[in-house]
């Protein structure tokens, strides 16, 4: 079953260090994100991501992903047509698994993603590496 997605966006300082500050409903399940904005799908807690860099030449963006409730951030490239898989919750506590697929890059300085969410149980398993592991790019203190 396809669930309409809510998208929260907000300007971030130090990549994903701050929480998203506004809530908007994505009518067509497509949303644009500018560099250094944070997006969380759903209306509750969930994985957050930001676009660090947009490369029109390479048809790619560099994504920063912060797993829900954790303090590390992962950096990886996403090319047009590829997706970022995200865990999300609705305000009512329903678990969603969402795909945010990068759309063709435009000239306006933002990256557009098509969002598709389905009602599925999601893992609450920690995604960040154990202390001392360097798989994540940076670790922030829990707030």
N, C-alpha and C. Protein backbone atom coordinates (compact mmCIF):
# COMPACT_ATOMS: atom_id res chain seq x y z
N UNK A 1 0.85 -1.17 0.00
CA UNK A 1 0.00 0.00 0.00
C UNK A 1 0.90 1.23 0.00
N UNK A 2 0.61 2.16 -0.88
CA UNK A 2 1.40 3.38 -0.98
C UNK A 2 0.84 4.42 -0.03
N UNK A 3 1.70 5.04 0.76
CA UNK A 3 1.31 6.03 1.75
C UNK A 3 1.83 7.39 1.29
N UNK A 4 1.00 8.46 1.32
CA UNK A 4 1.54 9.78 1.00
C UNK A 4 2.62 10.14 2.01
N UNK A 5 3.66 10.77 1.56
CA UNK A 5 4.78 11.11 2.42
C UNK A 5 4.70 12.55 2.88
N UNK A 6 5.09 12.78 4.10
CA UNK A 6 5.29 14.13 4.60
C UNK A 6 6.77 14.41 4.54
N UNK A 7 7.13 15.60 4.20
CA UNK A 7 8.54 15.95 4.09
C UNK A 7 8.81 17.12 4.99
N UNK A 8 9.77 16.97 5.89
CA UNK A 8 10.21 18.07 6.73
C UNK A 8 11.53 18.56 6.19
N UNK A 9 11.67 19.85 6.02
CA UNK A 9 12.94 20.41 5.57
C UNK A 9 13.33 21.57 6.46
N UNK A 10 14.60 21.80 6.56
CA UNK A 10 15.11 22.91 7.34
C UNK A 10 16.56 23.13 7.03
N UNK A 11 17.03 24.35 7.20
CA UNK A 11 18.44 24.62 6.98
C UNK A 11 19.26 23.99 8.09
N UNK A 12 20.38 23.45 7.72
CA UNK A 12 21.24 22.77 8.69
C UNK A 12 22.52 23.55 8.86
N UNK A 13 23.02 23.54 10.06
CA UNK A 13 24.37 24.03 10.29
C UNK A 13 25.20 22.81 10.61
N UNK A 14 26.39 22.78 10.08
CA UNK A 14 27.26 21.61 10.24
C UNK A 14 26.56 20.35 9.76
N UNK A 15 26.13 20.38 8.51
CA UNK A 15 25.47 19.25 7.84
C UNK A 15 24.15 18.91 8.50
N UNK A 16 24.08 17.87 9.31
CA UNK A 16 22.82 17.43 9.90
C UNK A 16 22.75 17.70 11.40
N UNK A 17 23.48 18.69 11.87
CA UNK A 17 23.58 18.92 13.31
C UNK A 17 22.31 19.50 13.92
N UNK A 18 21.46 20.14 13.14
CA UNK A 18 20.25 20.72 13.70
C UNK A 18 19.03 19.94 13.23
N UNK A 19 17.94 20.12 13.92
CA UNK A 19 16.71 19.42 13.57
C UNK A 19 15.96 20.18 12.49
N UNK A 20 15.22 19.49 11.64
CA UNK A 20 14.38 20.18 10.66
C UNK A 20 13.38 21.08 11.38
N UNK A 21 13.07 22.24 10.77
CA UNK A 21 12.25 23.21 11.49
C UNK A 21 10.85 23.41 10.92
N UNK A 22 10.55 22.91 9.74
CA UNK A 22 9.20 23.13 9.21
C UNK A 22 8.64 21.84 8.65
N UNK A 23 7.34 21.80 8.45
CA UNK A 23 6.65 20.61 7.99
C UNK A 23 5.80 20.99 6.79
N UNK A 24 5.92 20.24 5.71
CA UNK A 24 5.10 20.49 4.52
C UNK A 24 4.70 19.15 3.92
N UNK A 25 3.52 19.10 3.33
CA UNK A 25 3.04 17.87 2.70
C UNK A 25 3.41 17.90 1.23
N UNK A 26 3.97 16.84 0.74
CA UNK A 26 4.35 16.73 -0.66
C UNK A 26 3.19 16.12 -1.44
N UNK A 27 2.42 16.95 -2.14
CA UNK A 27 1.23 16.49 -2.85
C UNK A 27 1.55 15.45 -3.91
N UNK A 28 2.62 15.68 -4.69
CA UNK A 28 2.94 14.77 -5.78
C UNK A 28 4.07 13.82 -5.43
N UNK A 29 4.41 13.75 -4.16
CA UNK A 29 5.47 12.87 -3.69
C UNK A 29 6.83 13.18 -4.32
N UNK A 30 7.01 14.42 -4.76
CA UNK A 30 8.30 14.90 -5.26
C UNK A 30 8.66 16.13 -4.45
N UNK A 31 9.91 16.22 -4.05
CA UNK A 31 10.34 17.39 -3.30
C UNK A 31 11.72 17.81 -3.75
N UNK A 32 12.00 19.10 -3.61
CA UNK A 32 13.31 19.65 -3.96
C UNK A 32 14.06 19.94 -2.67
N UNK A 33 15.36 19.77 -2.72
CA UNK A 33 16.20 20.05 -1.57
C UNK A 33 17.45 20.78 -2.05
N UNK A 34 17.75 21.88 -1.39
CA UNK A 34 18.94 22.65 -1.70
C UNK A 34 20.09 22.14 -0.83
N UNK A 35 21.33 22.41 -1.23
CA UNK A 35 22.45 22.00 -0.39
C UNK A 35 22.30 22.56 1.03
N UNK A 36 22.64 21.73 2.00
CA UNK A 36 22.62 22.03 3.42
C UNK A 36 21.22 22.09 4.02
N UNK A 37 20.18 21.63 3.30
CA UNK A 37 18.86 21.45 3.89
C UNK A 37 18.76 20.01 4.37
N UNK A 38 17.96 19.81 5.41
CA UNK A 38 17.77 18.47 5.98
C UNK A 38 16.35 18.00 5.66
N UNK A 39 16.22 16.74 5.27
CA UNK A 39 14.91 16.16 4.96
C UNK A 39 14.71 14.92 5.82
N UNK A 40 13.52 14.82 6.41
CA UNK A 40 13.09 13.62 7.11
C UNK A 40 11.72 13.26 6.56
N UNK A 41 11.55 12.07 6.02
CA UNK A 41 10.26 11.64 5.50
C UNK A 41 9.40 11.13 6.64
N UNK A 42 8.10 11.28 6.51
CA UNK A 42 7.17 10.88 7.55
C UNK A 42 6.88 12.04 8.47
N UNK A 43 6.12 11.81 9.48
CA UNK A 43 5.77 12.89 10.39
C UNK A 43 6.30 12.68 11.79
N UNK A 44 7.01 11.59 11.98
CA UNK A 44 7.58 11.31 13.29
C UNK A 44 9.08 11.28 13.21
N UNK A 45 9.69 10.37 13.95
CA UNK A 45 11.14 10.21 13.88
C UNK A 45 11.47 9.39 12.65
N UNK A 46 12.68 9.56 12.14
CA UNK A 46 13.11 8.78 11.00
C UNK A 46 14.53 9.12 10.63
N UNK A 47 15.03 8.43 9.63
CA UNK A 47 16.34 8.75 9.08
C UNK A 47 16.26 10.12 8.44
N UNK A 48 17.33 10.90 8.53
CA UNK A 48 17.39 12.22 7.91
C UNK A 48 18.50 12.23 6.89
N UNK A 49 18.32 13.04 5.84
CA UNK A 49 19.41 13.18 4.89
C UNK A 49 19.48 14.60 4.38
N UNK A 50 20.65 14.95 3.90
CA UNK A 50 20.91 16.27 3.33
C UNK A 50 21.71 16.07 2.05
N UNK A 51 21.62 17.06 1.18
CA UNK A 51 22.44 17.07 -0.02
C UNK A 51 23.60 18.00 0.26
N UNK A 52 24.80 17.44 0.26
CA UNK A 52 25.99 18.24 0.52
C UNK A 52 26.44 18.98 -0.73
N UNK A 53 26.35 18.31 -1.87
CA UNK A 53 26.87 18.86 -3.11
C UNK A 53 26.05 18.33 -4.28
N UNK A 54 25.83 19.21 -5.29
CA UNK A 54 25.11 18.82 -6.50
C UNK A 54 26.06 18.98 -7.68
N UNK A 55 26.19 17.94 -8.50
CA UNK A 55 27.04 18.00 -9.69
C UNK A 55 26.19 17.74 -10.93
N UNK A 56 25.86 18.83 -11.65
CA UNK A 56 25.09 18.67 -12.89
C UNK A 56 25.91 17.91 -13.92
N UNK A 57 27.20 18.15 -13.94
CA UNK A 57 28.08 17.50 -14.92
C UNK A 57 28.06 15.98 -14.76
N UNK A 58 28.08 15.50 -13.52
CA UNK A 58 28.10 14.06 -13.24
C UNK A 58 26.70 13.47 -13.06
N UNK A 59 25.66 14.32 -13.09
CA UNK A 59 24.29 13.87 -12.81
C UNK A 59 24.23 13.14 -11.48
N UNK A 60 24.84 13.75 -10.46
CA UNK A 60 24.92 13.11 -9.15
C UNK A 60 24.87 14.15 -8.04
N UNK A 61 24.53 13.68 -6.86
CA UNK A 61 24.60 14.49 -5.66
C UNK A 61 25.38 13.71 -4.61
N UNK A 62 25.95 14.43 -3.66
CA UNK A 62 26.56 13.78 -2.50
C UNK A 62 25.57 13.91 -1.36
N UNK A 63 25.16 12.78 -0.80
CA UNK A 63 24.16 12.72 0.25
C UNK A 63 24.84 12.48 1.59
N UNK A 64 24.35 13.17 2.61
CA UNK A 64 24.74 12.91 4.00
C UNK A 64 23.53 12.28 4.66
N UNK A 65 23.70 11.10 5.23
CA UNK A 65 22.59 10.36 5.85
C UNK A 65 22.86 10.19 7.33
N UNK A 66 21.87 10.57 8.15
CA UNK A 66 21.95 10.35 9.60
C UNK A 66 20.84 9.38 9.98
N UNK A 67 21.21 8.19 10.47
CA UNK A 67 20.20 7.23 10.91
C UNK A 67 19.38 7.78 12.08
N UNK A 68 18.11 7.40 12.14
CA UNK A 68 17.21 7.91 13.17
C UNK A 68 17.76 7.70 14.57
N UNK A 69 17.76 8.79 15.33
CA UNK A 69 18.16 8.73 16.72
C UNK A 69 19.63 8.46 16.98
N UNK A 70 20.46 8.53 15.95
CA UNK A 70 21.88 8.23 16.13
C UNK A 70 22.72 9.48 15.85
N UNK A 71 23.99 9.42 16.20
CA UNK A 71 24.84 10.58 16.11
C UNK A 71 25.91 10.55 15.05
N UNK A 72 25.88 9.61 14.12
CA UNK A 72 26.88 9.59 13.06
C UNK A 72 26.24 10.02 11.75
N UNK A 73 27.06 10.33 10.79
CA UNK A 73 26.60 10.74 9.47
C UNK A 73 27.40 9.99 8.42
N UNK A 74 26.70 9.43 7.43
CA UNK A 74 27.35 8.73 6.33
C UNK A 74 27.29 9.60 5.08
N UNK A 75 28.36 9.58 4.29
CA UNK A 75 28.43 10.36 3.04
C UNK A 75 28.58 9.38 1.89
N UNK A 76 27.76 9.56 0.83
CA UNK A 76 27.88 8.73 -0.36
C UNK A 76 27.26 9.43 -1.55
N UNK A 77 27.70 9.07 -2.77
CA UNK A 77 27.14 9.67 -3.98
C UNK A 77 25.85 8.96 -4.39
N UNK A 78 24.94 9.72 -4.98
CA UNK A 78 23.71 9.16 -5.55
C UNK A 78 23.58 9.75 -6.95
N UNK A 79 23.45 8.89 -7.97
CA UNK A 79 23.29 9.36 -9.33
C UNK A 79 21.81 9.40 -9.70
N UNK A 80 21.49 10.14 -10.77
CA UNK A 80 20.11 10.26 -11.23
C UNK A 80 19.53 8.86 -11.47
N UNK A 81 18.32 8.66 -10.95
CA UNK A 81 17.65 7.37 -11.08
C UNK A 81 17.91 6.42 -9.93
N UNK A 82 18.90 6.70 -9.10
CA UNK A 82 19.21 5.86 -7.94
C UNK A 82 18.47 6.40 -6.72
N UNK A 83 18.33 5.57 -5.69
CA UNK A 83 17.52 5.93 -4.53
C UNK A 83 18.30 5.87 -3.23
N UNK A 84 17.80 6.63 -2.27
CA UNK A 84 18.24 6.56 -0.88
C UNK A 84 17.09 5.89 -0.14
N UNK A 85 17.37 4.80 0.57
CA UNK A 85 16.33 4.11 1.33
C UNK A 85 16.33 4.66 2.75
N UNK A 86 15.14 5.03 3.23
CA UNK A 86 15.00 5.68 4.53
C UNK A 86 13.93 5.00 5.37
N UNK A 87 14.19 4.96 6.67
CA UNK A 87 13.19 4.49 7.62
C UNK A 87 12.42 5.71 8.11
N UNK A 88 11.11 5.58 8.28
CA UNK A 88 10.29 6.70 8.72
C UNK A 88 9.16 6.21 9.61
N UNK A 89 8.61 7.12 10.39
CA UNK A 89 7.44 6.87 11.21
C UNK A 89 6.42 7.97 10.92
N UNK A 90 5.15 7.63 10.99
CA UNK A 90 4.11 8.64 10.90
C UNK A 90 3.87 9.20 12.29
N UNK A 91 3.16 10.34 12.41
CA UNK A 91 2.86 10.86 13.75
C UNK A 91 2.11 9.86 14.62
N UNK A 92 1.36 8.94 13.99
CA UNK A 92 0.62 7.92 14.74
C UNK A 92 1.45 6.70 15.10
N UNK A 93 2.75 6.70 14.75
CA UNK A 93 3.63 5.60 15.10
C UNK A 93 3.72 4.49 14.08
N UNK A 94 3.11 4.66 12.92
CA UNK A 94 3.16 3.66 11.85
C UNK A 94 4.55 3.64 11.22
N UNK A 95 5.12 2.46 11.00
CA UNK A 95 6.44 2.32 10.39
C UNK A 95 6.34 2.35 8.88
N UNK A 96 7.23 3.12 8.26
CA UNK A 96 7.28 3.23 6.80
C UNK A 96 8.70 2.96 6.33
N UNK A 97 8.80 2.37 5.15
CA UNK A 97 10.07 2.26 4.45
C UNK A 97 9.92 3.11 3.20
N UNK A 98 10.81 4.07 3.01
CA UNK A 98 10.68 5.03 1.92
C UNK A 98 11.90 4.99 1.01
N UNK A 99 11.64 5.27 -0.25
CA UNK A 99 12.70 5.42 -1.25
C UNK A 99 12.62 6.84 -1.76
N UNK A 100 13.72 7.56 -1.71
CA UNK A 100 13.82 8.89 -2.29
C UNK A 100 14.73 8.75 -3.51
N UNK A 101 14.15 8.87 -4.72
CA UNK A 101 14.87 8.63 -5.97
C UNK A 101 15.25 9.96 -6.60
N UNK A 102 16.54 10.12 -6.90
CA UNK A 102 17.03 11.37 -7.49
C UNK A 102 16.48 11.54 -8.90
N UNK A 103 15.86 12.69 -9.15
CA UNK A 103 15.32 13.05 -10.46
C UNK A 103 16.41 13.77 -11.26
N UNK A 104 16.21 13.97 -12.58
CA UNK A 104 17.21 14.72 -13.35
C UNK A 104 17.51 16.08 -12.73
N UNK A 105 18.77 16.45 -12.73
CA UNK A 105 19.23 17.67 -12.07
C UNK A 105 18.93 18.87 -12.96
N UNK A 106 18.37 19.91 -12.34
CA UNK A 106 17.99 21.12 -13.06
C UNK A 106 19.00 22.23 -12.79
N UNK A 107 18.75 23.39 -13.39
CA UNK A 107 19.67 24.52 -13.25
C UNK A 107 19.40 25.40 -12.04
N UNK A 108 18.37 25.12 -11.26
CA UNK A 108 17.98 26.04 -10.18
C UNK A 108 18.77 25.86 -8.88
N UNK A 109 19.74 24.98 -8.84
CA UNK A 109 20.57 24.81 -7.65
C UNK A 109 20.00 23.88 -6.61
N UNK A 110 18.93 23.17 -6.94
CA UNK A 110 18.36 22.19 -6.02
C UNK A 110 18.36 20.81 -6.67
N UNK A 111 18.20 19.80 -5.84
CA UNK A 111 18.07 18.43 -6.32
C UNK A 111 16.64 17.99 -6.01
N UNK A 112 15.98 17.37 -6.98
CA UNK A 112 14.61 16.88 -6.78
C UNK A 112 14.63 15.38 -6.59
N UNK A 113 13.81 14.94 -5.64
CA UNK A 113 13.68 13.52 -5.34
C UNK A 113 12.21 13.13 -5.44
N UNK A 114 11.94 11.98 -5.99
CA UNK A 114 10.61 11.39 -5.95
C UNK A 114 10.56 10.47 -4.74
N UNK A 115 9.53 10.62 -3.92
CA UNK A 115 9.43 9.82 -2.70
C UNK A 115 8.31 8.79 -2.83
N UNK A 116 8.64 7.59 -2.42
CA UNK A 116 7.66 6.50 -2.42
C UNK A 116 7.81 5.76 -1.10
N UNK A 117 6.71 5.73 -0.33
CA UNK A 117 6.75 5.09 0.98
C UNK A 117 5.73 3.96 1.03
N UNK A 118 6.08 2.90 1.71
CA UNK A 118 5.14 1.81 1.92
C UNK A 118 5.15 1.43 3.39
N UNK A 119 4.01 0.96 3.84
CA UNK A 119 3.86 0.56 5.24
C UNK A 119 4.57 -0.76 5.44
N UNK A 120 5.66 -0.72 6.16
CA UNK A 120 6.45 -1.92 6.42
C UNK A 120 7.11 -1.78 7.79
N UNK A 121 7.26 -2.88 8.48
CA UNK A 121 8.05 -2.82 9.72
C UNK A 121 9.49 -2.47 9.35
N UNK A 122 10.10 -1.60 10.12
CA UNK A 122 11.49 -1.24 9.86
C UNK A 122 12.36 -1.64 11.04
N UNK A 123 13.60 -1.92 10.74
CA UNK A 123 14.56 -2.32 11.76
C UNK A 123 14.93 -1.12 12.63
N UNK A 124 15.00 -1.33 13.91
CA UNK A 124 15.47 -0.30 14.85
C UNK A 124 16.94 -0.55 15.21
N UNK A 125 17.56 -1.46 14.48
CA UNK A 125 18.96 -1.80 14.72
C UNK A 125 19.85 -0.59 14.47
N UNK A 126 20.87 -0.42 15.31
CA UNK A 126 21.81 0.69 15.14
C UNK A 126 22.53 0.56 13.81
N UNK A 127 22.69 1.68 13.13
CA UNK A 127 23.39 1.71 11.84
C UNK A 127 24.78 2.30 11.98
N UNK A 128 24.98 3.13 13.02
CA UNK A 128 26.29 3.76 13.23
C UNK A 128 27.30 2.73 13.73
N UNK A 129 28.55 2.90 13.34
CA UNK A 129 29.59 1.97 13.80
C UNK A 129 29.83 2.14 15.30
N UNK A 130 30.39 1.11 15.88
CA UNK A 130 30.75 1.16 17.30
C UNK A 130 31.82 2.22 17.51
N UNK A 131 31.93 2.71 18.73
CA UNK A 131 32.96 3.71 19.04
C UNK A 131 34.32 3.23 18.56
N UNK A 132 35.06 4.13 17.94
CA UNK A 132 36.39 3.79 17.47
C UNK A 132 36.41 3.33 16.03
N UNK A 133 35.26 2.93 15.46
CA UNK A 133 35.19 2.54 14.06
C UNK A 133 35.09 3.80 13.22
N UNK A 134 35.73 3.83 12.08
CA UNK A 134 35.79 5.05 11.28
C UNK A 134 34.93 4.98 10.02
N UNK A 135 33.93 4.12 9.97
CA UNK A 135 33.10 4.01 8.78
C UNK A 135 32.24 5.25 8.55
N UNK A 136 31.88 5.95 9.60
CA UNK A 136 31.09 7.17 9.47
C UNK A 136 32.03 8.36 9.31
N UNK A 137 31.54 9.42 8.68
CA UNK A 137 32.40 10.57 8.42
C UNK A 137 32.65 11.43 9.65
N UNK A 138 31.67 11.49 10.53
CA UNK A 138 31.82 12.34 11.69
C UNK A 138 30.79 11.91 12.72
N UNK A 139 31.08 12.07 13.98
CA UNK A 139 30.15 11.73 15.03
C UNK A 139 29.80 12.98 15.80
N UNK A 140 28.52 13.20 16.03
CA UNK A 140 28.04 14.34 16.79
C UNK A 140 27.56 13.86 18.15
N UNK A 141 27.65 14.69 19.18
CA UNK A 141 27.14 14.29 20.48
C UNK A 141 25.61 14.16 20.44
N UNK A 142 25.08 13.20 21.17
CA UNK A 142 23.62 13.06 21.25
C UNK A 142 23.05 14.25 22.00
N UNK A 143 21.90 14.72 21.55
CA UNK A 143 21.26 15.86 22.22
C UNK A 143 20.01 15.45 22.92
